[in-house]
């Protein structure tokens, strides 16, 4: 399969909105390469949140991982790349935590290459994940930033609501509508 036929799906949302669970469930339903969230991997590897100066390299690494996944999916004949988060999330976190909006232009320009964005809504119970999550107030703030920035894109954006299988079915319907 040619790389241009691979569909890029960004699964984004604030902390504790079920992004990773949704990506895992979708990957069991469709042939896809999964791109893990580089921010999560950074925190797990370093035992701390990234500093402001580490935001740009982190976003660039997310983009590199997504590009490599498209090539891998094409070589395997897979139709989808499922991005468990995306570069736009790094820009949002940089804005929320550091007041730095400088990453938005590059993140949104890259995000326009996505064929579909699944925006996980904060309608699930918030669950603690030490070192990874900061609380319902941050969840709300991040969600509002995401909704604002992604609302301006001329690309398919599907809110993912509900719990369990209903979320998966909603995402699969949106993916099936891609040509």
Foldseek 3Di string as FASTA:
>chain_A
DDLVQAAEEEEDAFPPLCLVVLVVVLVVVFPEAEAEQLQVVVCVVVVAGDDLVCLVVSQVVQLVSQVVRSVVCVVVVGRYYYYSHHSCLSQLCSCVVPVDNVSLVVRVVSVLSHQEYEYRDPPDDHDDDPNPDDDDVRRVSSRVVCCVSVVPHPHHYHYQDDDDPSSNVSVVVVVVPGD
